[in-house]
């Protein structure tokens, strides 16, 4: 029987073990037994806390996304203009910690799981909707057609991240700058609001 008061720590240990196991395997080809062993507990106890391997991965992704959201929020607090806020969102997606090999393996595996697992798919859509909302919030102040710019910028962020994460020689250190350059081009192509000749930086 699980010891009273130990659940938060053991859940955290299992989440860390999921990220480590998938990072080492590079895929979802891991077992509850191997995850539990890495976390220092029995398979039965792991099942008690999460129920299945899929639930463990979803919990791990919730954790990764929560940490990521905190980093985005920290960057946004330092920004003073809509343009700086957009750049802060872009920068947060390409910080070094985002490219931790274990986390990128978990993230790519999560994309695969979302194709068949409704809960994972809902979590992925929630992340995508939050990104969309954050971008639209600031784009509407500095361009005429934010609804046209946002899907392109969102796709660039995800696409450049995936390409950078899959590089054999490590992530591209210029990835964020490439997306910022694309942002500038998108803003130039969609005229700023009347009376604002260029984004306030």
C-alpha atoms as a PDB file:
ATOM      1  CA  UNK A   1       0.000   0.000   0.000  1.00  0.00           C
ATOM      2  CA  UNK A   2       1.379   3.471  -0.875  1.00  0.00           C
ATOM      3  CA  UNK A   3       2.665   5.438   2.114  1.00  0.00           C
ATOM      4  CA  UNK A   4       0.521   8.404   3.067  1.00  0.00           C
ATOM      5  CA  UNK A   5       2.012  11.722   1.955  1.00  0.00           C
ATOM      6  CA  UNK A   6       4.385  10.126  -0.567  1.00  0.00           C
ATOM      7  CA  UNK A   7       2.175  10.505  -3.630  1.00  0.00           C
ATOM      8  CA  UNK A   8       3.444  13.928  -4.872  1.00  0.00           C
ATOM      9  CA  UNK A   9       7.084  12.834  -4.656  1.00  0.00           C
ATOM     10  CA  UNK A  10       6.465   9.474  -6.290  1.00  0.00           C
ATOM     11  CA  UNK A  11       4.448  11.053  -9.086  1.00  0.00           C
ATOM     12  CA  UNK A  12       7.301  13.511  -9.665  1.00  0.00           C
ATOM     13  CA  UNK A  13       9.810  10.631  -9.638  1.00  0.00           C
ATOM     14  CA  UNK A  14       7.750   8.737 -12.220  1.00  0.00           C
ATOM     15  CA  UNK A  15       7.432  11.801 -14.454  1.00  0.00           C
ATOM     16  CA  UNK A  16      11.201  12.260 -14.366  1.00  0.00           C
ATOM     17  CA  UNK A  17      11.682   8.563 -15.096  1.00  0.00           C
ATOM     18  CA  UNK A  18       9.321   8.733 -18.096  1.00  0.00           C
ATOM     19  CA  UNK A  19      11.314  11.616 -19.584  1.00  0.00           C
ATOM     20  CA  UNK A  20      14.615   9.816 -18.937  1.00  0.00           C
ATOM     21  CA  UNK A  21      13.432   6.475 -20.348  1.00  0.00           C
ATOM     22  CA  UNK A  22      11.963   7.956 -23.527  1.00  0.00           C
ATOM     23  CA  UNK A  23      15.009  10.182 -23.922  1.00  0.00           C
ATOM     24  CA  UNK A  24      17.272   7.134 -23.735  1.00  0.00           C
ATOM     25  CA  UNK A  25      15.111   5.028 -26.068  1.00  0.00           C
ATOM     26  CA  UNK A  26      14.315   7.871 -28.459  1.00  0.00           C
ATOM     27  CA  UNK A  27      10.765   6.561 -28.839  1.00  0.00           C
ATOM     28  CA  UNK A  28       7.707   5.264 -26.992  1.00  0.00           C
ATOM     29  CA  UNK A  29       9.284   1.799 -27.007  1.00  0.00           C
ATOM     30  CA  UNK A  30       9.599   1.722 -23.216  1.00  0.00           C
ATOM     31  CA  UNK A  31       7.731  -0.277 -20.582  1.00  0.00           C
ATOM     32  CA  UNK A  32       6.030   0.586 -17.320  1.00  0.00           C
ATOM     33  CA  UNK A  33       8.473  -1.823 -15.668  1.00  0.00           C
ATOM     34  CA  UNK A  34      11.514   0.077 -16.937  1.00  0.00           C
ATOM     35  CA  UNK A  35       9.968   3.412 -15.945  1.00  0.00           C
ATOM     36  CA  UNK A  36       9.112   2.116 -12.460  1.00  0.00           C
ATOM     37  CA  UNK A  37      12.568   0.595 -12.027  1.00  0.00           C
ATOM     38  CA  UNK A  38      14.219   3.903 -12.906  1.00  0.00           C
ATOM     39  CA  UNK A  39      11.926   5.669 -10.432  1.00  0.00           C
ATOM     40  CA  UNK A  40      12.830   3.155  -7.717  1.00  0.00           C
ATOM     41  CA  UNK A  41       9.417   1.574  -7.252  1.00  0.00           C
ATOM     42  CA  UNK A  42       7.370  -1.431  -8.351  1.00  0.00           C
ATOM     43  CA  UNK A  43       5.329  -1.627 -11.541  1.00  0.00           C
ATOM     44  CA  UNK A  44       2.226  -2.065  -9.401  1.00  0.00           C
ATOM     45  CA  UNK A  45       2.884   1.203  -7.613  1.00  0.00           C
ATOM     46  CA  UNK A  46       3.486   2.989 -10.920  1.00  0.00           C
ATOM     47  CA  UNK A  47       0.160   1.667 -12.226  1.00  0.00           C
ATOM     48  CA  UNK A  48      -1.507   2.793  -8.998  1.00  0.00           C
ATOM     49  CA  UNK A  49      -0.422   6.393  -9.565  1.00  0.00           C
ATOM     50  CA  UNK A  50      -0.979   6.691 -13.321  1.00  0.00           C
ATOM     51  CA  UNK A  51      -2.849   3.647 -14.602  1.00  0.00           C
ATOM     52  CA  UNK A  52      -1.008   3.227 -17.901  1.00  0.00           C
ATOM     53  CA  UNK A  53       2.093   4.182 -19.849  1.00  0.00           C
ATOM     54  CA  UNK A  54       0.078   6.639 -21.929  1.00  0.00           C
ATOM     55  CA  UNK A  55      -1.087   8.400 -18.773  1.00  0.00           C
ATOM     56  CA  UNK A  56       2.520   8.619 -17.606  1.00  0.00           C
ATOM     57  CA  UNK A  57       3.581  10.269 -20.857  1.00  0.00           C
ATOM     58  CA  UNK A  58       0.660  12.700 -20.713  1.00  0.00           C
ATOM     59  CA  UNK A  59       1.626  13.622 -17.146  1.00  0.00           C
ATOM     60  CA  UNK A  60       5.221  14.142 -18.283  1.00  0.00           C
ATOM     61  CA  UNK A  61       4.072  16.426 -21.093  1.00  0.00           C
ATOM     62  CA  UNK A  62       1.884  18.416 -18.702  1.00  0.00           C
ATOM     63  CA  UNK A  63       4.981  18.923 -16.571  1.00  0.00           C
ATOM     64  CA  UNK A  64       7.156  19.982 -19.528  1.00  0.00           C
ATOM     65  CA  UNK A  65       4.457  22.376 -20.765  1.00  0.00           C
ATOM     66  CA  UNK A  66       3.993  23.851 -17.275  1.00  0.00           C
ATOM     67  CA  UNK A  67       7.715  24.600 -17.013  1.00  0.00           C
ATOM     68  CA  UNK A  68       7.673  26.014 -20.544  1.00  0.00           C
ATOM     69  CA  UNK A  69       4.689  28.249 -19.724  1.00  0.00           C
ATOM     70  CA  UNK A  70       6.561  29.630 -16.728  1.00  0.00           C
ATOM     71  CA  UNK A  71       9.529  30.518 -18.945  1.00  0.00           C
ATOM     72  CA  UNK A  72       7.252  32.209 -21.485  1.00  0.00           C
ATOM     73  CA  UNK A  73       5.569  34.203 -18.720  1.00  0.00           C
ATOM     74  CA  UNK A  74       8.949  35.282 -17.352  1.00  0.00           C
ATOM     75  CA  UNK A  75      10.001  36.531 -20.790  1.00  0.00           C
ATOM     76  CA  UNK A  76       6.736  38.369 -21.318  1.00  0.00           C
ATOM     77  CA  UNK A  77       7.094  40.200 -18.000  1.00  0.00           C
ATOM     78  CA  UNK A  78      10.340  41.750 -19.242  1.00  0.00           C
ATOM     79  CA  UNK A  79       8.868  42.879 -22.576  1.00  0.00           C
ATOM     80  CA  UNK A  80       7.576  46.436 -22.920  1.00  0.00           C
ATOM     81  CA  UNK A  81       6.050  46.489 -26.420  1.00  0.00           C
ATOM     82  CA  UNK A  82       3.919  44.089 -28.491  1.00  0.00           C
ATOM     83  CA  UNK A  83       6.909  43.435 -30.765  1.00  0.00           C
ATOM     84  CA  UNK A  84       9.132  42.617 -27.785  1.00  0.00           C
ATOM     85  CA  UNK A  85       6.455  40.281 -26.453  1.00  0.00           C
ATOM     86  CA  UNK A  86       6.356  38.422 -29.771  1.00  0.00           C
ATOM     87  CA  UNK A  87      10.140  38.118 -29.709  1.00  0.00           C
ATOM     88  CA  UNK A  88       9.967  36.841 -26.119  1.00  0.00           C
ATOM     89  CA  UNK A  89       7.512  34.117 -27.159  1.00  0.00           C
ATOM     90  CA  UNK A  90       9.796  33.109 -30.018  1.00  0.00           C
ATOM     91  CA  UNK A  91      12.890  33.123 -27.788  1.00  0.00           C
ATOM     92  CA  UNK A  92      11.196  30.923 -25.166  1.00  0.00           C
ATOM     93  CA  UNK A  93      10.564  28.251 -27.799  1.00  0.00           C
ATOM     94  CA  UNK A  94      14.277  27.996 -28.578  1.00  0.00           C
ATOM     95  CA  UNK A  95      15.988  28.284 -25.194  1.00  0.00           C
ATOM     96  CA  UNK A  96      18.686  25.709 -24.463  1.00  0.00           C
ATOM     97  CA  UNK A  97      16.566  23.815 -21.917  1.00  0.00           C
ATOM     98  CA  UNK A  98      13.902  23.211 -24.593  1.00  0.00           C
ATOM     99  CA  UNK A  99      16.454  21.194 -26.557  1.00  0.00           C
ATOM    100  CA  UNK A 100      17.371  18.891 -23.692  1.00  0.00           C
ATOM    101  CA  UNK A 101      17.630  15.573 -25.528  1.00  0.00           C
ATOM    102  CA  UNK A 102      15.255  13.857 -23.111  1.00  0.00           C
ATOM    103  CA  UNK A 103      12.610  16.554 -23.510  1.00  0.00           C
ATOM    104  CA  UNK A 104      12.776  16.616 -27.299  1.00  0.00           C
ATOM    105  CA  UNK A 105      12.364  12.824 -27.396  1.00  0.00           C
ATOM    106  CA  UNK A 106       9.365  13.079 -25.068  1.00  0.00           C
ATOM    107  CA  UNK A 107       7.870  15.917 -27.135  1.00  0.00           C
ATOM    108  CA  UNK A 108       8.259  14.067 -30.437  1.00  0.00           C
ATOM    109  CA  UNK A 109       6.784  10.921 -28.869  1.00  0.00           C
ATOM    110  CA  UNK A 110       3.903  13.002 -27.548  1.00  0.00           C
ATOM    111  CA  UNK A 111       3.137  14.204 -31.084  1.00  0.00           C
ATOM    112  CA  UNK A 112       2.914  10.545 -32.130  1.00  0.00           C
ATOM    113  CA  UNK A 113       0.686   9.638 -29.170  1.00  0.00           C
ATOM    114  CA  UNK A 114      -1.683  12.535 -29.970  1.00  0.00           C
ATOM    115  CA  UNK A 115      -2.586  10.819 -33.242  1.00  0.00           C
ATOM    116  CA  UNK A 116      -4.346   8.001 -31.383  1.00  0.00           C
ATOM    117  CA  UNK A 117      -4.973   9.172 -27.810  1.00  0.00           C
ATOM    118  CA  UNK A 118      -7.836  11.692 -27.345  1.00  0.00           C
ATOM    119  CA  UNK A 119      -6.448  13.100 -24.088  1.00  0.00           C
ATOM    120  CA  UNK A 120      -3.016  13.652 -25.607  1.00  0.00           C
ATOM    121  CA  UNK A 121      -4.634  15.233 -28.660  1.00  0.00           C
ATOM    122  CA  UNK A 122      -6.629  17.588 -26.417  1.00  0.00           C
ATOM    123  CA  UNK A 123      -3.478  18.597 -24.521  1.00  0.00           C
ATOM    124  CA  UNK A 124      -1.642  19.274 -27.783  1.00  0.00           C
ATOM    125  CA  UNK A 125      -4.536  21.392 -29.047  1.00  0.00           C
ATOM    126  CA  UNK A 126      -4.570  23.325 -25.768  1.00  0.00           C
ATOM    127  CA  UNK A 127      -0.877  24.133 -26.222  1.00  0.00           C
ATOM    128  CA  UNK A 128      -1.483  25.192 -29.828  1.00  0.00           C
ATOM    129  CA  UNK A 129      -4.470  27.355 -28.867  1.00  0.00           C
ATOM    130  CA  UNK A 130      -2.459  29.056 -26.121  1.00  0.00           C
ATOM    131  CA  UNK A 131       0.333  29.841 -28.577  1.00  0.00           C
ATOM    132  CA  UNK A 132      -2.216  31.182 -31.055  1.00  0.00           C
ATOM    133  CA  UNK A 133      -3.856  33.356 -28.404  1.00  0.00           C
ATOM    134  CA  UNK A 134      -0.536  34.778 -27.205  1.00  0.00           C
ATOM    135  CA  UNK A 135       0.576  35.643 -30.730  1.00  0.00           C
ATOM    136  CA  UNK A 136      -2.747  37.176 -31.754  1.00  0.00           C
ATOM    137  CA  UNK A 137      -2.848  39.292 -28.597  1.00  0.00           C
ATOM    138  CA  UNK A 138       0.223  41.231 -29.723  1.00  0.00           C
ATOM    139  CA  UNK A 139      -0.002  40.947 -33.500  1.00  0.00           C
ATOM    140  CA  UNK A 140      -3.281  42.866 -33.487  1.00  0.00           C
ATOM    141  CA  UNK A 141      -1.424  45.963 -32.250  1.00  0.00           C
ATOM    142  CA  UNK A 142       1.212  46.026 -34.990  1.00  0.00           C
ATOM    143  CA  UNK A 143      -0.280  44.646 -38.206  1.00  0.00           C
ATOM    144  CA  UNK A 144      -3.478  44.914 -40.199  1.00  0.00           C
ATOM    145  CA  UNK A 145      -4.178  41.185 -40.665  1.00  0.00           C
ATOM    146  CA  UNK A 146      -3.137  39.356 -37.481  1.00  0.00           C
ATOM    147  CA  UNK A 147      -5.353  36.368 -38.363  1.00  0.00           C
ATOM    148  CA  UNK A 148      -3.298  35.840 -41.516  1.00  0.00           C
ATOM    149  CA  UNK A 149       0.090  36.321 -39.872  1.00  0.00           C
ATOM    150  CA  UNK A 150      -0.507  34.142 -36.800  1.00  0.00           C
ATOM    151  CA  UNK A 151      -0.941  30.734 -38.540  1.00  0.00           C
ATOM    152  CA  UNK A 152       2.261  31.276 -40.511  1.00  0.00           C
ATOM    153  CA  UNK A 153       4.206  32.360 -37.432  1.00  0.00           C
ATOM    154  CA  UNK A 154       2.862  29.445 -35.362  1.00  0.00           C
ATOM    155  CA  UNK A 155       3.810  26.976 -38.097  1.00  0.00           C
ATOM    156  CA  UNK A 156       7.281  28.512 -38.335  1.00  0.00           C
ATOM    157  CA  UNK A 157       7.834  28.194 -34.590  1.00  0.00           C
ATOM    158  CA  UNK A 158       6.777  24.529 -34.552  1.00  0.00           C
ATOM    159  CA  UNK A 159       8.502  23.665 -37.824  1.00  0.00           C
ATOM    160  CA  UNK A 160      11.825  25.323 -37.040  1.00  0.00           C
ATOM    161  CA  UNK A 161      11.755  23.736 -33.581  1.00  0.00           C
ATOM    162  CA  UNK A 162      11.210  20.256 -35.021  1.00  0.00           C
ATOM    163  CA  UNK A 163      13.995  20.683 -37.567  1.00  0.00           C
ATOM    164  CA  UNK A 164      16.339  22.027 -34.904  1.00  0.00           C
ATOM    165  CA  UNK A 165      15.455  19.196 -32.513  1.00  0.00           C
ATOM    166  CA  UNK A 166      16.204  16.555 -35.154  1.00  0.00           C
ATOM    167  CA  UNK A 167      19.625  17.890 -36.160  1.00  0.00           C
ATOM    168  CA  UNK A 168      22.274  15.225 -35.618  1.00  0.00           C
ATOM    169  CA  UNK A 169      24.901  17.805 -34.713  1.00  0.00           C
ATOM    170  CA  UNK A 170      22.717  19.462 -32.080  1.00  0.00           C
ATOM    171  CA  UNK A 171      20.114  22.229 -32.173  1.00  0.00           C
ATOM    172  CA  UNK A 172      20.583  25.212 -34.463  1.00  0.00           C
ATOM    173  CA  UNK A 173      21.764  28.140 -32.280  1.00  0.00           C
ATOM    174  CA  UNK A 174      20.340  30.567 -34.844  1.00  0.00           C
ATOM    175  CA  UNK A 175      16.847  29.018 -34.846  1.00  0.00           C
ATOM    176  CA  UNK A 176      15.197  31.832 -32.868  1.00  0.00           C
ATOM    177  CA  UNK A 177      16.851  34.498 -35.015  1.00  0.00           C
ATOM    178  CA  UNK A 178      15.540  32.811 -38.161  1.00  0.00           C
ATOM    179  CA  UNK A 179      11.972  32.947 -36.859  1.00  0.00           C
ATOM    180  CA  UNK A 180      12.411  36.581 -35.783  1.00  0.00           C
ATOM    181  CA  UNK A 181      13.646  37.429 -39.288  1.00  0.00           C
ATOM    182  CA  UNK A 182      10.548  35.734 -40.696  1.00  0.00           C
ATOM    183  CA  UNK A 183       8.387  37.713 -38.256  1.00  0.00           C
ATOM    184  CA  UNK A 184       9.890  40.975 -39.538  1.00  0.00           C
ATOM    185  CA  UNK A 185       9.183  39.912 -43.125  1.00  0.00           C
ATOM    186  CA  UNK A 186       5.594  39.004 -42.259  1.00  0.00           C
ATOM    187  CA  UNK A 187       5.046  42.350 -40.548  1.00  0.00           C
ATOM    188  CA  UNK A 188       6.530  44.186 -43.524  1.00  0.00           C
ATOM    189  CA  UNK A 189       4.184  42.314 -45.865  1.00  0.00           C
ATOM    190  CA  UNK A 190       1.141  43.160 -43.740  1.00  0.00           C
ATOM    191  CA  UNK A 191       1.196  46.923 -43.359  1.00  0.00           C
ATOM    192  CA  UNK A 192       1.318  48.287 -39.788  1.00  0.00           C
ATOM    193  CA  UNK A 193      -1.691  50.076 -38.430  1.00  0.00           C
ATOM    194  CA  UNK A 194      -2.277  53.663 -39.567  1.00  0.00           C
ATOM    195  CA  UNK A 195       0.127  56.072 -37.940  1.00  0.00           C
ATOM    196  CA  UNK A 196       2.648  53.364 -37.063  1.00  0.00           C
ATOM    197  CA  UNK A 197       5.303  53.039 -39.744  1.00  0.00           C
ATOM    198  CA  UNK A 198       7.087  50.112 -38.147  1.00  0.00           C
ATOM    199  CA  UNK A 199       6.797  47.891 -35.085  1.00  0.00           C
ATOM    200  CA  UNK A 200       7.822  49.631 -31.860  1.00  0.00           C
ATOM    201  CA  UNK A 201      10.806  47.715 -30.567  1.00  0.00           C
END
